[in-house]
Protein backbone atom coordinates (compact mmCIF):
# COMPACT_ATOMS: atom_id res chain seq x y z
CA MET A 1 -26.40 -41.62 -58.33
CA ARG A 2 -25.82 -38.69 -60.72
CA ILE A 3 -24.92 -35.40 -59.05
CA GLY A 4 -26.29 -32.09 -60.24
CA PHE A 5 -25.73 -29.87 -57.21
CA ASP A 6 -22.48 -28.73 -55.56
CA ASN A 7 -23.25 -28.95 -51.83
CA ASP A 8 -19.96 -27.49 -50.61
CA LYS A 9 -20.24 -24.53 -52.98
CA TYR A 10 -23.78 -23.91 -51.77
CA ILE A 11 -22.78 -23.89 -48.09
CA ALA A 12 -19.95 -21.41 -48.75
CA LEU A 13 -22.09 -19.11 -50.91
CA GLN A 14 -25.05 -19.20 -48.55
CA ALA A 15 -23.01 -18.43 -45.42
CA GLU A 16 -21.26 -15.52 -47.17
CA HIS A 17 -24.58 -14.12 -48.42
CA ILE A 18 -26.12 -14.23 -44.94
CA ARG A 19 -23.03 -12.51 -43.45
CA ASN A 20 -23.42 -9.74 -46.03
CA ARG A 21 -27.07 -9.32 -45.15
CA ILE A 22 -26.20 -9.01 -41.42
CA ASP A 23 -23.70 -6.30 -42.31
CA GLN A 24 -26.32 -4.54 -44.43
CA PHE A 25 -28.43 -3.98 -41.33
CA GLY A 26 -25.63 -2.87 -39.03
CA GLY A 27 -25.00 -6.16 -37.33
CA LYS A 28 -28.43 -7.53 -36.38
CA LEU A 29 -30.60 -9.72 -38.61
CA TYR A 30 -33.81 -11.66 -37.98
CA LEU A 31 -33.85 -14.47 -40.50
CA GLU A 32 -37.13 -16.30 -41.12
CA PHE A 33 -36.39 -19.88 -42.07
CA GLY A 34 -39.03 -21.33 -44.34
CA GLY A 35 -39.20 -25.10 -44.83
CA LYS A 36 -37.04 -27.50 -42.89
CA LEU A 37 -33.73 -26.64 -41.28
CA PHE A 38 -32.73 -30.29 -41.55
CA ASP A 39 -34.21 -33.51 -42.94
CA ASP A 40 -34.98 -31.59 -46.16
CA TYR A 41 -35.54 -34.65 -48.30
CA HIS A 42 -37.51 -32.77 -50.97
CA ALA A 43 -34.48 -30.60 -51.72
CA SER A 44 -32.15 -33.62 -51.76
CA ARG A 45 -34.44 -35.39 -54.24
CA VAL A 46 -34.80 -32.52 -56.70
CA LEU A 47 -31.23 -31.25 -56.34
CA PRO A 48 -29.12 -34.44 -56.37
CA GLY A 49 -26.04 -33.65 -54.30
CA PHE A 50 -27.95 -31.50 -51.79
CA GLU A 51 -27.70 -33.22 -48.40
CA PRO A 52 -30.81 -33.30 -46.17
CA ASP A 53 -28.90 -31.51 -43.36
CA THR A 54 -27.21 -28.94 -45.63
CA LYS A 55 -28.93 -25.88 -44.18
CA ILE A 56 -28.09 -26.69 -40.57
CA ARG A 57 -24.51 -27.46 -41.63
CA MET A 58 -24.37 -24.06 -43.31
CA LEU A 59 -25.55 -22.42 -40.08
CA LYS A 60 -22.80 -24.23 -38.18
CA ASN A 61 -20.34 -22.07 -40.14
CA LEU A 62 -21.96 -19.14 -38.35
CA ILE A 63 -22.62 -20.90 -35.05
CA ASP A 64 -20.98 -18.29 -32.79
CA ASP A 65 -23.22 -15.59 -34.31
CA VAL A 66 -26.47 -17.61 -34.30
CA GLU A 67 -29.34 -17.61 -31.85
CA ILE A 68 -32.50 -19.60 -32.57
CA ILE A 69 -36.11 -18.74 -31.72
CA VAL A 70 -38.78 -21.41 -32.27
CA ALA A 71 -42.28 -20.14 -32.97
CA ILE A 72 -45.44 -22.23 -32.45
CA ASN A 73 -49.06 -21.24 -33.02
CA ALA A 74 -51.22 -21.59 -29.87
CA ASN A 75 -54.11 -22.78 -32.06
CA ASP A 76 -51.96 -25.62 -33.38
CA ILE A 77 -51.21 -26.61 -29.77
CA GLU A 78 -54.94 -26.53 -28.95
CA LYS A 79 -55.82 -28.66 -31.97
CA SER A 80 -52.96 -31.13 -31.29
CA LYS A 81 -51.78 -30.54 -34.83
CA VAL A 82 -49.52 -33.34 -36.08
CA ARG A 83 -46.50 -33.26 -38.39
CA GLY A 84 -47.45 -35.61 -41.21
CA ASP A 85 -43.88 -36.75 -41.83
CA LEU A 86 -43.08 -37.55 -38.20
CA GLY A 87 -46.44 -38.38 -36.67
CA ILE A 88 -45.85 -36.17 -33.61
CA THR A 89 -47.68 -33.05 -32.42
CA TYR A 90 -46.24 -29.61 -33.07
CA ASP A 91 -45.60 -28.97 -29.37
CA ASP A 92 -43.63 -32.21 -29.05
CA ASP A 93 -41.73 -31.28 -32.19
CA VAL A 94 -40.68 -27.99 -30.59
CA LEU A 95 -38.94 -29.99 -27.84
CA ARG A 96 -37.43 -32.35 -30.44
CA LEU A 97 -36.08 -29.39 -32.39
CA MET A 98 -34.61 -27.84 -29.26
CA ASP A 99 -32.83 -31.10 -28.38
CA ILE A 100 -31.33 -31.29 -31.86
CA PHE A 101 -30.23 -27.66 -31.91
CA ARG A 102 -28.64 -27.87 -28.49
CA SER A 103 -26.89 -31.15 -29.30
CA MET A 104 -25.28 -29.35 -32.25
CA GLY A 105 -24.08 -26.48 -30.07
CA PHE A 106 -26.62 -23.86 -31.08
CA LEU A 107 -28.04 -21.30 -28.64
CA VAL A 108 -31.83 -21.57 -28.45
CA GLY A 109 -32.96 -18.29 -26.94
CA SER A 110 -36.71 -18.75 -26.46
CA ILE A 111 -39.96 -20.34 -27.57
CA VAL A 112 -42.53 -17.88 -28.89
CA ILE A 113 -46.17 -18.97 -28.57
CA THR A 114 -48.00 -16.96 -31.23
CA HIS A 115 -51.73 -16.22 -31.54
CA TYR A 116 -52.06 -16.74 -27.81
CA ALA A 117 -55.62 -16.18 -26.50
CA ASN A 118 -55.69 -18.17 -23.25
CA GLN A 119 -55.99 -21.52 -24.98
CA PRO A 120 -55.93 -24.20 -22.23
CA ALA A 121 -53.57 -26.47 -24.15
CA ALA A 122 -51.20 -23.54 -24.79
CA ASP A 123 -51.20 -22.75 -21.06
CA ALA A 124 -50.42 -26.37 -20.26
CA PHE A 125 -47.57 -26.33 -22.80
CA ARG A 126 -46.16 -23.16 -21.29
CA HIS A 127 -46.20 -24.72 -17.81
CA ARG A 128 -44.42 -27.71 -19.31
CA LEU A 129 -41.75 -25.42 -20.73
CA ASP A 130 -41.41 -23.67 -17.38
CA SER A 131 -40.87 -27.01 -15.62
CA LEU A 132 -38.11 -27.83 -18.12
CA GLY A 133 -36.43 -24.48 -17.54
CA ILE A 134 -37.26 -23.24 -21.07
CA THR A 135 -38.00 -19.54 -21.59
CA SER A 136 -41.21 -18.77 -23.49
CA ARG A 137 -42.81 -15.57 -24.65
CA LEU A 138 -46.38 -14.79 -25.73
CA HIS A 139 -47.51 -13.05 -28.92
CA TYR A 140 -51.16 -12.16 -29.25
CA PRO A 141 -53.71 -11.97 -32.06
CA ILE A 142 -53.78 -8.47 -33.53
CA ALA A 143 -57.09 -7.08 -34.74
CA GLY A 144 -57.00 -6.14 -38.42
CA TYR A 145 -53.87 -8.17 -39.16
CA PRO A 146 -52.27 -7.92 -41.66
CA TYR A 147 -53.88 -4.89 -43.34
CA ASP A 148 -54.51 -2.37 -40.54
CA ILE A 149 -50.95 -1.06 -40.50
CA ASP A 150 -51.61 1.80 -38.09
CA HIS A 151 -52.94 -0.60 -35.45
CA ILE A 152 -50.45 -3.40 -36.08
CA VAL A 153 -47.36 -1.19 -35.83
CA SER A 154 -48.34 0.40 -32.55
CA ASP A 155 -48.14 -0.22 -28.83
CA GLU A 156 -51.53 -1.94 -29.07
CA GLY A 157 -50.32 -4.24 -31.87
CA TYR A 158 -46.74 -5.49 -31.96
CA GLY A 159 -46.12 -3.45 -28.82
CA LYS A 160 -48.32 -5.81 -26.73
CA ASN A 161 -46.23 -8.84 -27.69
CA GLU A 162 -43.60 -9.95 -25.21
CA PHE A 163 -40.11 -9.07 -26.40
CA VAL A 164 -37.49 -11.82 -26.75
CA GLU A 165 -34.11 -10.67 -25.44
CA THR A 166 -31.44 -11.78 -27.91
CA SER A 167 -27.64 -11.50 -27.78
CA ARG A 168 -26.37 -12.71 -31.17
CA PRO A 169 -26.11 -10.91 -34.55
CA LEU A 170 -28.13 -13.58 -36.43
CA VAL A 171 -31.46 -14.57 -34.96
CA VAL A 172 -32.95 -17.54 -36.84
CA VAL A 173 -36.72 -17.90 -36.46
CA THR A 174 -37.96 -21.37 -37.28
CA ALA A 175 -41.05 -23.50 -36.50
CA PRO A 176 -42.49 -27.02 -36.59
CA GLY A 177 -44.52 -26.20 -39.69
CA PRO A 178 -46.31 -23.56 -41.77
CA GLY A 179 -48.67 -21.03 -40.21
CA SER A 180 -46.68 -20.81 -37.00
CA GLY A 181 -46.18 -17.05 -37.13
CA LYS A 182 -42.48 -16.84 -38.04
CA MET A 183 -42.77 -13.64 -40.11
CA ALA A 184 -44.94 -11.90 -37.52
CA THR A 185 -42.43 -12.89 -34.84
CA CYS A 186 -39.58 -11.30 -36.82
CA LEU A 187 -41.51 -8.10 -37.46
CA SER A 188 -42.63 -7.87 -33.80
CA GLN A 189 -39.00 -8.14 -32.76
CA LEU A 190 -38.01 -5.41 -35.24
CA TYR A 191 -40.65 -3.13 -33.72
CA HIS A 192 -39.35 -3.70 -30.20
CA GLU A 193 -35.69 -3.39 -31.29
CA HIS A 194 -36.46 -0.06 -32.96
CA LYS A 195 -38.22 1.19 -29.81
CA ARG A 196 -35.03 0.34 -27.92
CA GLY A 197 -32.88 2.20 -30.42
CA VAL A 198 -31.40 -0.93 -31.95
CA THR A 199 -30.97 -1.14 -35.76
CA ALA A 200 -32.06 -4.57 -37.01
CA GLY A 201 -33.20 -6.09 -40.28
CA TYR A 202 -35.37 -8.90 -41.59
CA ALA A 203 -34.73 -11.44 -44.33
CA LYS A 204 -36.28 -14.70 -45.49
CA TYR A 205 -34.62 -17.99 -46.30
CA GLU A 206 -36.80 -20.17 -48.57
CA THR A 207 -35.15 -22.81 -50.72
CA PHE A 208 -38.09 -22.97 -53.17
CA PRO A 209 -39.09 -21.71 -55.59
CA VAL A 210 -35.58 -21.00 -56.83
CA TRP A 211 -35.77 -17.30 -57.77
CA ASN A 212 -33.12 -17.36 -60.51
CA LEU A 213 -34.45 -20.40 -62.38
CA PRO A 214 -37.19 -20.05 -65.05
CA LEU A 215 -40.79 -20.10 -63.89
CA LYS A 216 -41.49 -23.46 -65.59
CA HIS A 217 -38.16 -25.05 -64.74
CA PRO A 218 -38.88 -28.60 -63.44
CA VAL A 219 -37.33 -27.74 -60.04
CA ASN A 220 -39.85 -24.93 -59.57
CA VAL A 221 -42.72 -27.01 -60.95
CA ALA A 222 -41.74 -29.75 -58.46
CA TYR A 223 -42.16 -27.17 -55.66
CA GLU A 224 -45.71 -26.50 -56.82
CA ALA A 225 -46.31 -30.26 -56.83
CA ALA A 226 -44.96 -30.54 -53.27
CA THR A 227 -47.28 -27.78 -52.03
CA VAL A 228 -50.37 -28.71 -53.99
CA ASP A 229 -52.33 -29.04 -50.74
CA LEU A 230 -51.51 -25.40 -49.90
CA ASP A 231 -52.68 -24.17 -53.29
CA ASP A 232 -49.42 -22.28 -53.81
CA ALA A 233 -48.48 -21.12 -57.28
CA ASN A 234 -45.17 -19.89 -58.65
CA ILE A 235 -45.39 -16.54 -60.38
CA ILE A 236 -43.09 -13.90 -61.84
CA ASP A 237 -42.28 -11.33 -59.17
CA PRO A 238 -43.90 -8.13 -60.64
CA PHE A 239 -42.27 -5.86 -58.06
CA HIS A 240 -38.78 -7.06 -58.88
CA LEU A 241 -39.44 -6.78 -62.62
CA GLU A 242 -40.65 -3.22 -62.20
CA ALA A 243 -37.82 -2.13 -59.88
CA TYR A 244 -34.89 -3.78 -61.66
CA GLY A 245 -36.11 -5.02 -65.05
CA GLN A 246 -35.11 -8.54 -64.01
CA THR A 247 -37.38 -11.58 -64.28
CA THR A 248 -37.40 -13.61 -61.08
CA VAL A 249 -39.65 -16.25 -59.58
CA ASN A 250 -41.51 -16.14 -56.28
CA TYR A 251 -44.70 -17.69 -55.02
CA ASN A 252 -48.08 -16.11 -54.87
CA ARG A 253 -48.49 -15.62 -51.13
CA ASP A 254 -45.21 -13.72 -50.75
CA VAL A 255 -46.03 -11.52 -53.73
CA GLU A 256 -49.56 -10.83 -52.44
CA ILE A 257 -48.41 -9.86 -48.95
CA PHE A 258 -45.36 -7.83 -50.03
CA PRO A 259 -47.05 -4.36 -50.23
CA VAL A 260 -48.33 -4.87 -46.68
CA LEU A 261 -44.95 -6.12 -45.44
CA LYS A 262 -43.15 -3.20 -47.08
CA ALA A 263 -45.55 -0.75 -45.47
CA MET A 264 -44.95 -2.34 -42.05
CA MET A 265 -41.16 -2.03 -42.41
CA GLU A 266 -41.53 1.58 -43.51
CA ARG A 267 -43.70 2.28 -40.47
CA ILE A 268 -41.27 0.55 -38.12
CA SER A 269 -37.99 2.05 -39.30
CA GLY A 270 -38.95 4.88 -41.63
CA SER A 271 -38.04 3.14 -44.89
CA SER A 272 -38.05 -0.30 -46.49
CA PRO A 273 -34.74 -1.85 -47.55
CA TYR A 274 -36.60 -4.01 -50.11
CA GLN A 275 -38.33 -3.24 -53.38
CA SER A 276 -39.62 -6.78 -53.99
CA PRO A 277 -40.23 -10.08 -52.19
CA THR A 278 -37.27 -11.49 -54.13
CA ASP A 279 -35.10 -8.80 -52.46
CA MET A 280 -36.03 -10.25 -49.04
CA GLY A 281 -34.69 -13.71 -49.89
CA VAL A 282 -31.17 -14.98 -49.20
CA ASN A 283 -31.35 -18.27 -51.08
CA MET A 284 -28.35 -19.19 -53.27
CA ALA A 285 -29.48 -22.69 -54.35
CA GLY A 286 -29.71 -21.76 -58.04
CA SER A 287 -26.06 -20.71 -58.09
CA ALA A 288 -24.90 -24.15 -56.90
CA ILE A 289 -26.54 -26.19 -59.68
CA VAL A 290 -23.70 -27.72 -61.71
CA ASP A 291 -25.66 -30.03 -64.05
CA ASP A 292 -29.04 -28.71 -65.10
CA GLU A 293 -29.98 -31.93 -66.95
CA VAL A 294 -29.51 -34.00 -63.82
CA VAL A 295 -31.64 -31.73 -61.62
CA CYS A 296 -34.32 -31.50 -64.33
CA ASP A 297 -34.55 -35.29 -64.50
CA ALA A 298 -34.69 -35.55 -60.71
CA ALA A 299 -37.39 -32.84 -60.45
CA ARG A 300 -39.56 -34.49 -63.10
CA MET A 301 -39.39 -37.76 -61.16
CA GLU A 302 -40.40 -35.89 -57.99
CA ILE A 303 -43.47 -34.46 -59.71
CA VAL A 304 -44.58 -37.97 -60.60
CA ARG A 305 -43.95 -39.14 -57.03
CA ARG A 306 -46.13 -36.36 -55.71
CA TYR A 307 -48.85 -37.36 -58.15
CA PHE A 308 -48.94 -40.94 -56.85
CA GLN A 309 -48.72 -39.87 -53.20
CA THR A 310 -51.71 -37.60 -53.64
CA ALA A 311 -53.67 -40.16 -55.67
CA VAL A 312 -53.12 -42.70 -52.88
CA GLU A 313 -54.25 -40.17 -50.26
CA VAL A 314 -57.44 -39.55 -52.28
CA LYS A 315 -58.04 -43.28 -52.36
CA ARG A 316 -57.62 -43.46 -48.60
CA THR A 317 -59.71 -40.41 -47.67
CA GLY A 318 -62.03 -39.79 -50.60
CA VAL A 319 -61.05 -36.09 -50.78
CA GLY A 320 -58.52 -34.16 -52.80
CA HIS A 321 -59.53 -34.88 -56.37
CA ALA A 322 -58.78 -31.31 -57.41
CA GLN A 323 -55.19 -31.75 -56.21
CA VAL A 324 -54.78 -34.84 -58.39
CA GLU A 325 -56.10 -32.88 -61.34
CA LYS A 326 -53.61 -30.06 -60.69
CA LEU A 327 -50.75 -32.56 -60.46
CA GLU A 328 -51.80 -34.00 -63.81
CA LEU A 329 -51.48 -30.49 -65.23
CA LEU A 330 -48.07 -30.09 -63.63
CA MET A 331 -46.94 -33.38 -65.14
CA ASN A 332 -48.07 -32.11 -68.54
CA GLN A 333 -46.10 -28.89 -67.99
CA ALA A 334 -43.01 -30.92 -67.19
CA GLY A 335 -43.52 -33.21 -70.19
CA VAL A 336 -43.90 -36.43 -68.20
CA ASN A 337 -46.59 -38.98 -67.38
CA ALA A 338 -47.34 -41.48 -64.63
CA SER A 339 -45.14 -44.15 -66.24
CA LEU A 340 -41.93 -42.12 -66.10
CA SER A 341 -40.24 -44.59 -63.76
CA PRO A 342 -39.48 -48.03 -65.28
CA ALA A 343 -40.31 -49.49 -61.90
CA ARG A 344 -44.02 -48.86 -62.48
CA SER A 345 -44.30 -50.89 -65.70
CA ALA A 346 -42.14 -53.66 -64.17
CA ALA A 347 -44.35 -53.88 -61.05
CA LEU A 348 -47.60 -53.89 -63.03
CA LEU A 349 -46.22 -56.56 -65.38
CA LYS A 350 -45.13 -58.70 -62.43
CA GLU A 351 -48.62 -58.43 -60.93
CA GLU A 352 -50.20 -59.41 -64.25
CA MET A 353 -47.92 -62.45 -64.54
CA THR A 354 -48.39 -63.68 -60.95
CA GLY A 355 -51.96 -62.52 -60.23
CA ARG A 356 -50.84 -61.02 -56.91
CA PRO A 357 -49.45 -57.68 -55.70
CA ALA A 358 -45.90 -56.97 -56.81
CA GLY A 359 -43.21 -54.32 -56.58
CA ALA A 360 -40.18 -53.16 -58.50
CA MET A 361 -37.15 -50.96 -57.77
CA VAL A 362 -34.60 -49.11 -59.90
CA LEU A 363 -31.15 -49.82 -58.47
CA PRO A 364 -28.27 -47.31 -58.48
CA ASN A 365 -26.82 -48.90 -61.63
CA GLY A 366 -30.14 -48.51 -63.47
CA ALA A 367 -31.13 -52.17 -63.27
CA VAL A 368 -34.73 -52.94 -62.34
CA VAL A 369 -35.50 -55.75 -59.89
CA THR A 370 -38.96 -57.02 -58.94
CA GLY A 371 -40.61 -58.72 -55.97
CA LYS A 372 -43.76 -60.77 -55.82
CA THR A 373 -46.19 -61.81 -53.10
CA SER A 374 -45.54 -65.34 -51.81
CA THR A 375 -46.93 -67.49 -49.02
CA LEU A 376 -44.21 -66.28 -46.62
CA LEU A 377 -43.22 -62.80 -47.84
CA GLY A 378 -45.26 -59.79 -48.94
CA ALA A 379 -44.33 -57.89 -52.07
CA ALA A 380 -42.41 -55.23 -50.10
CA SER A 381 -40.37 -57.89 -48.27
CA SER A 382 -39.67 -59.85 -51.43
CA LEU A 383 -38.60 -56.71 -53.26
CA MET A 384 -36.34 -55.68 -50.39
CA MET A 385 -34.53 -59.00 -50.48
CA ASN A 386 -34.13 -58.98 -54.27
CA ALA A 387 -32.91 -55.38 -54.25
CA LEU A 388 -30.30 -56.19 -51.61
CA LYS A 389 -29.16 -59.16 -53.66
CA GLY A 390 -28.94 -56.87 -56.68
CA VAL A 391 -26.68 -54.26 -55.04
CA ALA A 392 -24.63 -56.94 -53.25
CA GLY A 393 -24.06 -58.95 -56.43
CA VAL A 394 -25.76 -62.08 -55.07
CA ASP A 395 -27.61 -64.38 -57.47
CA ASP A 396 -31.38 -63.78 -57.38
CA GLY A 397 -32.13 -67.50 -57.16
CA ILE A 398 -30.32 -67.99 -53.83
CA ASP A 399 -32.54 -68.13 -50.74
CA VAL A 400 -30.51 -66.13 -48.21
CA ILE A 401 -33.14 -66.64 -45.48
CA SER A 402 -34.39 -70.21 -45.38
CA ASP A 403 -38.10 -71.04 -45.14
CA ASN A 404 -37.28 -72.83 -41.88
CA ALA A 405 -36.26 -69.47 -40.38
CA ILE A 406 -39.29 -67.59 -41.71
CA GLU A 407 -42.08 -70.10 -40.98
CA PRO A 408 -41.85 -69.87 -37.13
CA ILE A 409 -42.23 -66.08 -37.38
CA CYS A 410 -45.29 -66.49 -39.61
CA ARG A 411 -46.84 -68.92 -37.11
CA LEU A 412 -46.10 -66.54 -34.27
CA LYS A 413 -47.93 -63.76 -36.09
CA THR A 414 -51.08 -65.79 -36.73
CA GLU A 415 -51.25 -68.19 -33.76
CA ARG A 416 -50.01 -65.94 -30.93
CA LEU A 417 -50.36 -62.35 -32.19
CA HIS A 418 -53.66 -63.10 -33.99
CA SER A 419 -52.68 -61.43 -37.26
CA LYS A 420 -54.71 -62.37 -40.31
CA ASN A 421 -51.68 -61.83 -42.53
CA PRO A 422 -48.99 -64.47 -41.98
CA ARG A 423 -46.54 -62.88 -44.44
CA LEU A 424 -43.51 -61.00 -43.15
CA HIS A 425 -43.46 -57.24 -43.45
CA SER A 426 -40.23 -55.69 -44.69
CA ASP A 427 -39.06 -54.72 -41.18
CA GLU A 428 -39.61 -58.26 -39.95
CA THR A 429 -37.74 -59.55 -42.99
CA LEU A 430 -34.73 -57.33 -42.19
CA ILE A 431 -34.73 -58.55 -38.58
CA ALA A 432 -34.79 -62.14 -39.81
CA LEU A 433 -31.94 -61.34 -42.20
CA SER A 434 -29.98 -59.71 -39.39
CA ILE A 435 -30.39 -62.76 -37.15
CA SER A 436 -29.28 -65.01 -40.01
CA SER A 437 -26.19 -62.81 -40.53
CA ALA A 438 -24.77 -64.04 -37.22
CA THR A 439 -24.07 -67.43 -38.80
CA ASP A 440 -24.47 -66.87 -42.54
CA PRO A 441 -21.83 -64.71 -44.33
CA LEU A 442 -24.16 -64.22 -47.29
CA ALA A 443 -26.82 -62.67 -45.02
CA ALA A 444 -24.15 -60.48 -43.46
CA GLN A 445 -23.13 -59.37 -46.94
CA LEU A 446 -26.66 -58.23 -47.75
CA ILE A 447 -26.93 -56.29 -44.46
CA GLU A 448 -23.75 -54.39 -45.39
CA HIS A 449 -25.47 -53.12 -48.54
CA VAL A 450 -28.68 -51.74 -46.98
CA ASP A 451 -27.47 -48.14 -47.29
CA ASP A 452 -26.88 -48.66 -51.03
CA LEU A 453 -30.66 -48.52 -51.53
CA ARG A 454 -30.89 -44.89 -50.31
CA GLY A 455 -32.31 -42.71 -53.05
CA CYS A 456 -33.66 -45.61 -55.12
CA ASP A 457 -37.20 -45.52 -56.52
CA ALA A 458 -39.64 -48.32 -55.68
CA PHE A 459 -43.12 -48.81 -57.11
CA PHE A 460 -45.89 -51.18 -55.95
CA SER A 461 -48.93 -52.36 -57.84
CA VAL A 462 -51.15 -51.82 -54.75
CA ILE A 463 -51.11 -49.58 -51.69
CA ILE A 464 -48.67 -51.19 -49.28
CA SER A 465 -49.09 -51.26 -45.49
CA SER A 466 -47.98 -48.29 -43.39
CA THR A 467 -45.43 -50.58 -41.75
CA ASP A 468 -43.73 -51.35 -45.03
CA GLU A 469 -43.93 -47.77 -46.24
CA LYS A 470 -42.35 -46.48 -43.02
CA LEU A 471 -39.46 -48.94 -43.27
CA TYR A 472 -38.78 -48.02 -46.88
CA ARG A 473 -38.78 -44.33 -46.10
CA THR A 474 -36.51 -44.88 -43.08
CA LEU A 475 -34.01 -46.45 -45.48
CA GLY A 476 -34.30 -43.44 -47.79
CA ILE A 477 -36.11 -45.36 -50.55
CA ASN A 478 -38.67 -43.32 -52.54
CA VAL A 479 -41.97 -45.18 -52.55
CA CYS A 480 -44.91 -44.87 -54.94
CA CYS A 481 -47.99 -47.08 -55.09
CA GLU A 482 -50.74 -47.59 -57.64
CA PRO A 483 -53.83 -46.01 -56.03
CA LYS A 484 -55.69 -49.26 -55.38
CA TYR A 485 -55.99 -51.71 -52.53
CA GLU A 486 -55.10 -55.38 -52.62
CA GLN A 487 -58.50 -56.35 -51.23
CA HIS A 488 -61.92 -54.78 -51.69
CA ARG A 489 -63.12 -53.80 -48.23
CA TYR A 490 -64.16 -50.63 -46.44
CA TYR A 491 -61.54 -50.51 -43.68
CA HIS A 492 -57.82 -50.68 -44.39
CA LYS A 493 -55.03 -50.45 -41.82
């Protein structure tokens, strides 16, 4: 895979920049972490060379100075809001995050339950935290938020929130997802710190949009594509342009709220250290790009992926047509179309030739392999096997798993498990391959090359099953599907 981003340089620059920001505020900084602290696969796709766990690795450089607060919105607990990428509720994700942070040696100071208004599910979650020995604090809805500054920055506003005692210079505030109240948590802490005579500051760590790349740079356009459901838009930061005469990029919500945020900081501490929303950021990603052509190509491909993901979701749910239209505009801005990946044309051609669903994948060396639907294997399974043969250097015509090994599994599915589809899914195919590897060196050879498919792009001529999609994503393979079903029916699993 081509590399366009210097990960080590980024970690060093970012850690140094955060240390400088801590010093700017006299040794205490509340840092709002936007996006994902780890498993940031969007960043790793659009900035080839960026590792999914880069941000948490960067924080490990500061580990003795770091304390983590996790914020969760009580309304999200009440609604059992689910993380789309993990399929778990936000409250369960809080515990997952805590386990990960603690396993890496980080101090997790407290859980802040924001927007608390006696929600029964939030009370139950707090009791659960108590039983686990986890400290939690409550933050309440504030009337007139965010515009009634006099009320918000008062003992009846932020002053009513429970204060989180912290002991480290860098307090990282993170959350399971957007809308959790991270910024309000930071500002509430600043209010309480100031009342206690402690000088503290606030900053924001958002990877995207990249402030020192052009507005229409593919990396920034890819961010708009990724957040199309939030209706975010990248814009020139007018406050930064006015204050410094420098053109920088931010997104609309931060620009819109900045005057209010600045007024709050002025009310809390007497003055604002920032003249623009760009000032608040500490992101150094743009300074670690070492090959702009590579990251541009990767970002354009990501825009197309987002288009197909959204088009498939519209097919599944019947809603979101406006999002598809916006993504079509973003593709036009980036100068690409839906057929950017050669895997798409290869998959559609294979379907046309065989009359059945098919798939294709671009291997690391640029070669394109295909997979067809057979009596024993689905298109995803067939493609998986052919891709593994491709990266392992095994002839495509060799049957690594014999039909004699596959047929009993197919019979088990239909005769005992009552499945209507006898064909093996891709996870079942990998299990069969793994079993065969105990006695077949060729099967063992293919298993050794599974990780070589990470980062590859696969395209299918129909919407594949959730089982196959999950397996592909677990292996780090980027999946796109034509927004159509294999069969015409009303209910699809």
